[in-house]
Amino acid sequence: MARAPTFLAIADGSFGVITAKTAVSAIRYLPERVVGVLDSTASARTVEEAIGFGGAIPIVRTLEEGLALRAAPQALLIGIAPRGGRLPAEWRGWIEQAIDRGLEIWSGLHTYLNDDPVLAARARKRGVRIFDLRKPPDVLPVANGRARLVDALVVLTVGSDCNSGKMTALIEIERGLRRRSVGCQFVATGQTGILLAGKGIAVDAVVGDFIAGATEQMVVEAAKGSDVVLVEGQGSLIHPGYSAVSLGLIHGSCPAAMILCHQASRRLVGEYHGASAFLPIPPLARLVHLHEQAAALVNPSRVIGVALMTYDLPEAAARDAVRRAEDETGLPATDPVRFGAAPLIEAIAAAAAARRAARARAPA
């Protein structure tokens, strides 16, 4: 991936922890690269006021205000992942103005800006690069189960719904494992993970036949010289719109272990984006069983921990949610951002040690 520019992130009308996942994740994990957020509707003046972290990074109301910031941005980042991944029509003007001012454009939308003849021609004329983070490689394999054979412990995050903290949990786990000097690799499978990791394939943009193959290819490569491979989950097996990518990730990565992710306050599938409520989220114990059954079709796997999102709950309620998750599933649970990822890291370390021991006992 290209050099790391500084960003003005667009999250107009949608700047929130759930609704502006790309912008929020950049603020959380790449704060030195985000110089401002553009939201013409915001009442808050800083990201700290709006989302509870991020410090004094300013929220601006116009593109001109953003371009005039003391730390001038070098790129415009599309900071939301709207349902369907389409470019909001009203943002075209901002993108055109940014190109005219010499800013790179970084986008994780399903609408590939490089394929837009007007924007692409404008960028070429100005010598500006457009990065479509979600665009997959042209050639990808069909999966054949190779990920089952790697020596590393493969861990996949799975969710009770979309936007349930699957990427964030893994980033926190990766940081903890690295502090323990555990050799691990993060496999990015979505636009925001690719932004953070600098590489990956957005599997929800891959033709269905090759979702598992793309995942398998990344896992096999990441496993070289690694003790643990952390695969970013997408979608949810129980979401009617996004279940296919979830199953493709499970069968492509052949995980030995999974972390179940869930927003503790959410009761309905799709509730996070205001969709019509048509499905209740099953109990966590049922979700554990469901994912283990789906994985077993290709490779035996166990859910070894639960990662909760509790940012919208008071601390006492959040800790109670963690205790309930542990009681219901019999597994270690935590909110890895709020309370730390230690219980999940311990579970992964134990699973990795058990895998090494089993392989050492296996006949040559």
Protein backbone atom coordinates (compact mmCIF):
# COMPACT_ATOMS: atom_id res chain seq x y z
CA MET A 1 0.00 0.00 0.00
CA ALA A 2 1.05 3.60 -0.52
CA ARG A 3 2.74 5.88 1.98
CA ALA A 4 0.68 6.95 4.98
CA PRO A 5 -0.87 10.41 4.44
CA THR A 6 -2.77 12.51 6.95
CA PHE A 7 -6.54 12.39 6.59
CA LEU A 8 -9.58 14.59 6.70
CA ALA A 9 -12.31 11.99 7.28
CA ILE A 10 -15.80 12.56 5.85
CA ALA A 11 -18.59 11.28 8.11
CA ASP A 12 -21.28 13.78 7.26
CA GLY A 13 -24.48 13.21 9.21
CA SER A 14 -23.20 9.88 10.51
CA PHE A 15 -20.31 10.50 12.88
CA GLY A 16 -20.79 7.89 15.59
CA VAL A 17 -19.08 4.79 16.94
CA ILE A 18 -21.24 2.43 14.86
CA THR A 19 -22.22 4.60 11.91
CA ALA A 20 -18.73 5.86 10.98
CA LYS A 21 -16.67 2.74 11.59
CA THR A 22 -13.83 3.62 9.24
CA ALA A 23 -13.34 7.15 10.59
CA VAL A 24 -13.71 6.03 14.20
CA SER A 25 -11.23 3.16 13.80
CA ALA A 26 -8.70 5.50 12.19
CA ILE A 27 -9.11 7.88 15.13
CA ARG A 28 -8.71 5.05 17.64
CA TYR A 29 -5.72 3.31 16.03
CA LEU A 30 -4.14 5.91 13.72
CA PRO A 31 -4.76 9.15 15.67
CA GLU A 32 -1.60 10.80 14.39
CA ARG A 33 -2.93 10.52 10.84
CA VAL A 34 -6.40 12.04 11.36
CA VAL A 35 -6.31 15.84 11.37
CA GLY A 36 -10.07 16.41 11.30
CA VAL A 37 -13.55 15.01 10.67
CA LEU A 38 -16.04 16.62 8.30
CA ASP A 39 -19.64 16.51 9.57
CA SER A 40 -21.80 19.49 8.66
CA THR A 41 -24.53 18.33 11.08
CA ALA A 42 -22.41 17.86 14.21
CA SER A 43 -22.94 19.97 17.31
CA ALA A 44 -19.69 18.76 18.91
CA ARG A 45 -16.48 20.65 18.15
CA THR A 46 -14.05 17.79 18.80
CA VAL A 47 -14.17 14.04 18.29
CA GLU A 48 -13.79 13.54 22.06
CA GLU A 49 -17.07 15.38 22.59
CA ALA A 50 -18.79 13.34 19.89
CA ILE A 51 -17.59 9.77 20.52
CA GLY A 52 -15.88 9.83 23.93
CA PHE A 53 -12.26 9.47 22.76
CA GLY A 54 -9.87 10.97 20.23
CA GLY A 55 -8.98 14.13 22.11
CA ALA A 56 -8.97 17.50 20.40
CA ILE A 57 -9.15 16.33 16.78
CA PRO A 58 -11.53 18.97 15.37
CA ILE A 59 -14.89 18.40 13.72
CA VAL A 60 -15.36 20.83 10.82
CA ARG A 61 -18.56 21.82 9.04
CA THR A 62 -17.21 22.49 5.55
CA LEU A 63 -14.50 21.14 3.30
CA GLU A 64 -12.87 24.57 3.15
CA GLU A 65 -12.68 24.64 6.94
CA GLY A 66 -11.03 21.22 6.87
CA LEU A 67 -8.50 22.21 4.24
CA ALA A 68 -7.60 25.31 6.28
CA LEU A 69 -6.72 23.33 9.43
CA ARG A 70 -3.27 24.06 10.83
CA ALA A 71 -2.27 20.44 10.21
CA ALA A 72 -3.42 20.45 6.59
CA PRO A 73 -4.73 17.07 5.39
CA GLN A 74 -2.97 15.25 2.56
CA ALA A 75 -5.90 12.96 1.77
CA LEU A 76 -9.67 12.73 2.01
CA LEU A 77 -10.87 9.54 3.73
CA ILE A 78 -14.41 8.28 3.19
CA GLY A 79 -15.07 7.59 6.85
CA ILE A 80 -18.36 5.69 6.74
CA ALA A 81 -19.44 2.32 5.40
CA PRO A 82 -23.09 2.94 4.46
CA ARG A 83 -25.48 0.07 3.92
CA GLY A 84 -24.74 -1.23 0.43
CA GLY A 85 -21.44 0.66 0.31
CA ARG A 86 -22.60 3.27 -2.22
CA LEU A 87 -21.19 6.78 -2.55
CA PRO A 88 -23.65 9.38 -1.17
CA ALA A 89 -24.50 11.60 -4.15
CA GLU A 90 -24.01 14.80 -2.18
CA TRP A 91 -20.37 13.89 -1.43
CA ARG A 92 -19.23 14.05 -5.06
CA GLY A 93 -18.71 17.80 -4.86
CA TRP A 94 -16.42 17.42 -1.86
CA ILE A 95 -14.41 14.70 -3.58
CA GLU A 96 -14.03 16.81 -6.72
CA GLN A 97 -12.93 19.84 -4.69
CA ALA A 98 -10.44 17.73 -2.73
CA ILE A 99 -8.94 16.37 -5.97
CA ASP A 100 -8.66 19.91 -7.34
CA ARG A 101 -6.74 20.86 -4.19
CA GLY A 102 -4.31 17.99 -4.67
CA LEU A 103 -5.62 15.61 -1.97
CA GLU A 104 -5.48 11.85 -2.41
CA ILE A 105 -8.82 10.06 -2.06
CA TRP A 106 -9.04 6.94 0.13
CA SER A 107 -12.33 5.08 -0.11
CA GLY A 108 -13.67 1.81 1.25
CA LEU A 109 -16.97 1.97 -0.63
CA HIS A 110 -18.33 -0.66 -3.00
CA THR A 111 -18.52 2.21 -5.49
CA TYR A 112 -14.98 2.18 -6.91
CA LEU A 113 -14.00 5.78 -7.47
CA ASN A 114 -11.27 4.81 -9.93
CA ASP A 115 -14.03 3.39 -12.15
CA ASP A 116 -15.92 6.70 -12.17
CA PRO A 117 -14.87 8.30 -15.48
CA VAL A 118 -15.35 11.87 -14.26
CA LEU A 119 -13.51 11.47 -10.97
CA ALA A 120 -10.77 9.31 -12.51
CA ALA A 121 -10.13 11.82 -15.30
CA ARG A 122 -10.06 14.67 -12.82
CA ALA A 123 -7.57 12.83 -10.64
CA ARG A 124 -5.31 12.03 -13.60
CA LYS A 125 -5.34 15.66 -14.67
CA ARG A 126 -4.31 16.81 -11.19
CA GLY A 127 -1.81 14.00 -10.65
CA VAL A 128 -3.83 12.74 -7.67
CA ARG A 129 -4.11 9.09 -6.64
CA ILE A 130 -7.38 7.40 -5.69
CA PHE A 131 -7.21 4.30 -3.48
CA ASP A 132 -10.20 1.95 -3.55
CA LEU A 133 -9.52 -0.11 -0.42
CA ARG A 134 -12.34 -2.53 -1.16
CA LYS A 135 -11.30 -3.48 -4.70
CA PRO A 136 -10.08 -7.10 -4.71
CA PRO A 137 -7.34 -8.60 -6.87
CA ASP A 138 -8.37 -9.65 -10.37
CA VAL A 139 -7.28 -13.28 -9.91
CA LEU A 140 -8.18 -15.33 -6.84
CA PRO A 141 -8.25 -19.09 -6.14
CA VAL A 142 -11.06 -21.43 -5.20
CA ALA A 143 -10.54 -22.78 -1.66
CA ASN A 144 -9.47 -26.39 -1.16
CA GLY A 145 -8.95 -26.57 2.61
CA ARG A 146 -5.25 -25.68 2.66
CA ALA A 147 -5.71 -23.48 5.74
CA ARG A 148 -6.37 -26.64 7.81
CA LEU A 149 -2.75 -27.65 7.33
CA VAL A 150 -0.92 -24.60 8.65
CA ASP A 151 1.07 -24.93 11.87
CA ALA A 152 -0.13 -21.62 13.29
CA LEU A 153 -3.27 -21.35 15.41
CA VAL A 154 -5.90 -19.68 13.22
CA VAL A 155 -8.38 -17.54 15.18
CA LEU A 156 -11.44 -16.02 13.49
CA THR A 157 -13.82 -13.46 14.96
CA VAL A 158 -17.51 -14.17 14.33
CA GLY A 159 -20.48 -12.02 15.24
CA SER A 160 -24.05 -11.96 16.44
CA ASP A 161 -24.61 -9.24 13.82
CA CYS A 162 -22.69 -6.90 11.56
CA ASN A 163 -20.82 -4.05 13.30
CA SER A 164 -20.38 -6.08 16.47
CA GLY A 165 -16.70 -5.33 17.12
CA LYS A 166 -15.02 -8.18 15.23
CA MET A 167 -12.16 -6.10 13.82
CA THR A 168 -11.66 -4.03 16.97
CA ALA A 169 -11.47 -7.13 19.18
CA LEU A 170 -8.74 -8.59 16.98
CA ILE A 171 -6.72 -5.37 16.89
CA GLU A 172 -6.77 -5.29 20.70
CA ILE A 173 -5.84 -8.99 20.86
CA GLU A 174 -3.03 -8.51 18.34
CA ARG A 175 -1.55 -5.68 20.41
CA GLY A 176 -1.68 -7.81 23.55
CA LEU A 177 -0.08 -10.82 21.87
CA ARG A 178 2.72 -8.67 20.48
CA ARG A 179 3.40 -7.28 23.95
CA ARG A 180 3.94 -10.90 25.00
CA SER A 181 6.29 -11.41 22.04
CA VAL A 182 3.90 -13.90 20.44
CA GLY A 183 4.47 -14.10 16.67
CA CYS A 184 1.11 -13.18 15.18
CA GLN A 185 -0.34 -11.79 11.97
CA PHE A 186 -3.59 -9.87 11.50
CA VAL A 187 -5.46 -10.82 8.31
CA ALA A 188 -7.58 -7.88 7.17
CA THR A 189 -10.75 -8.83 5.30
CA GLY A 190 -12.59 -5.49 5.24
CA GLN A 191 -11.87 -1.95 4.12
CA THR A 192 -11.17 -0.58 7.59
CA GLY A 193 -8.90 -3.45 8.54
CA ILE A 194 -7.00 -2.94 5.28
CA LEU A 195 -6.61 0.75 6.10
CA LEU A 196 -5.11 -0.13 9.49
CA ALA A 197 -2.99 -3.09 8.41
CA GLY A 198 -1.83 -1.71 5.08
CA LYS A 199 -2.83 -4.87 3.22
CA GLY A 200 -5.61 -7.43 2.87
CA ILE A 201 -8.60 -8.31 0.71
CA ALA A 202 -12.12 -7.00 1.29
CA VAL A 203 -13.91 -10.32 0.96
CA ASP A 204 -17.38 -8.79 0.75
CA ALA A 205 -16.32 -7.39 -2.63
CA VAL A 206 -15.16 -10.77 -3.94
CA VAL A 207 -17.27 -12.93 -6.28
CA GLY A 208 -18.96 -15.61 -4.17
CA ASP A 209 -16.99 -18.56 -5.57
CA PHE A 210 -13.72 -17.00 -4.42
CA ILE A 211 -14.52 -15.63 -0.93
CA ALA A 212 -13.19 -18.72 0.80
CA GLY A 213 -10.26 -18.94 -1.62
CA ALA A 214 -9.22 -15.33 -0.98
CA THR A 215 -9.37 -15.99 2.74
CA GLU A 216 -7.43 -19.23 2.46
CA GLN A 217 -4.72 -17.54 0.40
CA MET A 218 -4.23 -14.81 3.02
CA VAL A 219 -4.22 -17.28 5.93
CA VAL A 220 -1.64 -19.58 4.34
CA GLU A 221 0.64 -16.63 3.64
CA ALA A 222 0.18 -15.09 7.11
CA ALA A 223 0.91 -18.42 8.81
CA LYS A 224 4.48 -18.50 7.51
CA GLY A 225 6.65 -17.89 10.55
CA SER A 226 3.68 -17.05 12.81
CA ASP A 227 2.40 -18.75 15.93
CA VAL A 228 -1.08 -17.20 15.67
CA VAL A 229 -3.05 -15.91 12.68
CA LEU A 230 -5.89 -13.53 13.54
CA VAL A 231 -8.58 -13.39 10.84
CA GLU A 232 -10.94 -10.43 10.81
CA GLY A 233 -14.55 -11.57 10.61
CA GLN A 234 -17.30 -9.98 8.49
CA GLY A 235 -21.09 -10.02 8.56
CA SER A 236 -22.98 -12.61 10.56
CA LEU A 237 -24.29 -16.12 9.94
CA ILE A 238 -27.71 -14.99 11.15
CA HIS A 239 -27.98 -11.79 9.08
CA PRO A 240 -30.01 -12.53 5.93
CA GLY A 241 -28.06 -9.94 3.94
CA TYR A 242 -24.49 -10.76 4.96
CA SER A 243 -24.37 -14.42 5.96
CA ALA A 244 -22.62 -15.60 2.78
CA VAL A 245 -19.41 -13.73 3.49
CA SER A 246 -19.40 -15.04 7.07
CA LEU A 247 -19.63 -18.65 5.96
CA GLY A 248 -16.98 -18.09 3.30
CA LEU A 249 -14.60 -16.76 5.94
CA ILE A 250 -15.25 -19.72 8.24
CA HIS A 251 -14.64 -22.31 5.53
CA GLY A 252 -11.76 -20.44 3.91
CA SER A 253 -9.79 -19.78 7.10
CA CYS A 254 -10.49 -23.20 8.69
CA PRO A 255 -10.08 -21.69 12.15
CA ALA A 256 -9.06 -23.84 15.08
CA ALA A 257 -10.57 -21.22 17.39
CA MET A 258 -13.19 -18.47 17.18
CA ILE A 259 -14.04 -15.40 19.25
CA LEU A 260 -17.76 -14.55 19.35
CA CYS A 261 -18.43 -10.80 19.18
CA HIS A 262 -21.65 -9.14 20.32
CA GLN A 263 -22.96 -5.70 21.25
CA ALA A 264 -24.39 -6.32 24.71
CA SER A 265 -27.30 -3.89 24.34
CA ARG A 266 -28.41 -5.11 20.90
CA ARG A 267 -31.43 -7.39 20.72
CA LEU A 268 -32.35 -7.44 17.02
CA VAL A 269 -30.39 -8.24 13.88
CA GLY A 270 -29.78 -5.06 11.88
CA GLU A 271 -30.87 -2.82 14.76
CA TYR A 272 -27.57 -0.91 14.57
CA HIS A 273 -28.48 0.72 11.23
CA GLY A 274 -32.17 1.22 11.91
CA ALA A 275 -33.32 -1.64 9.73
CA SER A 276 -36.77 -3.08 10.24
CA ALA A 277 -36.62 -5.51 13.11
CA PHE A 278 -37.29 -8.96 11.73
CA LEU A 279 -35.01 -11.31 13.68
CA PRO A 280 -34.12 -11.50 17.36
CA ILE A 281 -30.48 -12.26 18.18
CA PRO A 282 -30.33 -15.77 19.70
CA PRO A 283 -28.79 -16.43 23.11
CA LEU A 284 -24.98 -16.44 23.11
CA ALA A 285 -24.82 -20.14 23.93
CA ARG A 286 -26.90 -20.89 20.85
CA LEU A 287 -24.59 -18.73 18.72
CA VAL A 288 -21.56 -20.60 20.03
CA HIS A 289 -23.11 -23.91 18.98
CA LEU A 290 -24.19 -22.54 15.59
CA HIS A 291 -20.71 -21.34 14.67
CA GLU A 292 -19.03 -24.52 15.84
CA GLN A 293 -21.46 -26.56 13.70
CA ALA A 294 -20.77 -24.39 10.63
CA ALA A 295 -17.00 -24.66 11.08
CA ALA A 296 -17.09 -28.44 11.65
CA LEU A 297 -18.33 -28.99 8.12
CA VAL A 298 -14.76 -28.26 6.98
CA ASN A 299 -12.56 -28.24 10.09
CA PRO A 300 -13.26 -28.81 13.81
CA SER A 301 -13.27 -25.52 15.70
CA ARG A 302 -14.30 -24.16 19.08
CA VAL A 303 -15.43 -20.76 20.25
CA ILE A 304 -12.94 -19.96 23.03
CA GLY A 305 -14.09 -16.53 24.20
CA VAL A 306 -16.65 -13.75 23.94
CA ALA A 307 -15.82 -10.13 23.05
CA LEU A 308 -18.55 -7.66 23.99
CA MET A 309 -19.14 -4.10 22.84
CA THR A 310 -20.44 -2.11 25.81
CA TYR A 311 -19.54 1.49 24.92
CA ASP A 312 -23.20 2.57 25.21
CA LEU A 313 -23.71 1.10 28.72
CA PRO A 314 -22.80 2.48 32.15
CA GLU A 315 -19.80 0.70 33.64
CA ALA A 316 -21.81 -1.32 36.15
CA ALA A 317 -24.16 -2.56 33.43
CA ALA A 318 -21.20 -3.34 31.18
CA ARG A 319 -19.49 -5.45 33.85
CA ASP A 320 -22.77 -7.22 34.52
CA ALA A 321 -23.08 -8.01 30.80
CA VAL A 322 -19.59 -9.53 30.84
CA ARG A 323 -20.50 -11.71 33.83
CA ARG A 324 -23.73 -12.86 32.16
CA ALA A 325 -21.85 -13.78 28.98
CA GLU A 326 -19.39 -15.85 31.00
CA ASP A 327 -22.18 -17.58 32.93
CA GLU A 328 -24.21 -18.34 29.80
CA THR A 329 -21.38 -19.68 27.66
CA GLY A 330 -18.88 -20.97 30.22
CA LEU A 331 -16.22 -19.01 28.31
CA PRO A 332 -13.98 -16.05 29.21
CA ALA A 333 -15.57 -12.75 28.23
CA THR A 334 -14.61 -9.08 28.23
CA ASP A 335 -15.06 -5.80 26.44
CA PRO A 336 -11.52 -5.71 24.97
CA VAL A 337 -11.54 -1.93 24.50
CA ARG A 338 -13.09 -0.97 27.81
CA PHE A 339 -11.74 -3.66 30.14
CA GLY A 340 -8.78 -5.04 28.21
CA ALA A 341 -8.36 -8.15 26.10
CA ALA A 342 -6.44 -10.21 28.69
CA PRO A 343 -9.05 -13.01 29.11
CA LEU A 344 -9.18 -13.54 25.34
CA ILE A 345 -5.39 -13.39 25.02
CA GLU A 346 -5.04 -16.03 27.74
CA ALA A 347 -7.54 -18.27 25.93
CA ILE A 348 -5.66 -17.89 22.64
CA ALA A 349 -2.29 -18.52 24.29
CA ALA A 350 -3.64 -21.69 25.90
CA ALA A 351 -5.14 -22.89 22.61
CA ALA A 352 -1.86 -22.20 20.78
CA ALA A 353 0.12 -24.14 23.39
CA ALA A 354 -2.29 -27.07 23.16
CA ARG A 355 -2.01 -27.06 19.36
CA ARG A 356 1.80 -27.10 19.51
CA ALA A 357 1.75 -29.97 21.99
CA ALA A 358 -0.68 -32.00 19.89
CA ARG A 359 1.40 -31.50 16.75
CA ALA A 360 4.57 -32.46 18.60
CA ARG A 361 2.92 -35.76 19.64
CA ALA A 362 1.64 -36.50 16.13
CA PRO A 363 3.58 -39.14 14.18
CA ALA A 364 5.90 -37.75 11.53
